[in-house]
């Protein structure tokens, strides 16, 4: 869904930027920002501060990213049990879980 800011749609501003770039002129809809100019007035500075909850959430995200995708110990135990012939799956349990998973969709 396109968002219209001050009567400028995303498609018209993109085409205005393209036209301004091609002609070397800037229109009111697509201001040209020169290198080093970030559109801030002299003396004003934008600041962002994160709440304690946001910082904690970021730390948790990093911890989750560091976790392995699979439990390698569990995989190794299954491999050993299959290789030894000691792994004996329960067909009724498997069928029940398959039917339960089917009801999710």
Foldseek 3Di string as FASTA:
>chain_A
DWDADPNATPVNLVVQVVVCVVVVHHDPSHDDADPPRPPDDPPDDDDDDDDPVVVVVVVVVVVVVPDDPDDVVVVVVVVVCVVVVNDDDDPVVVVVVVVVVVVVD
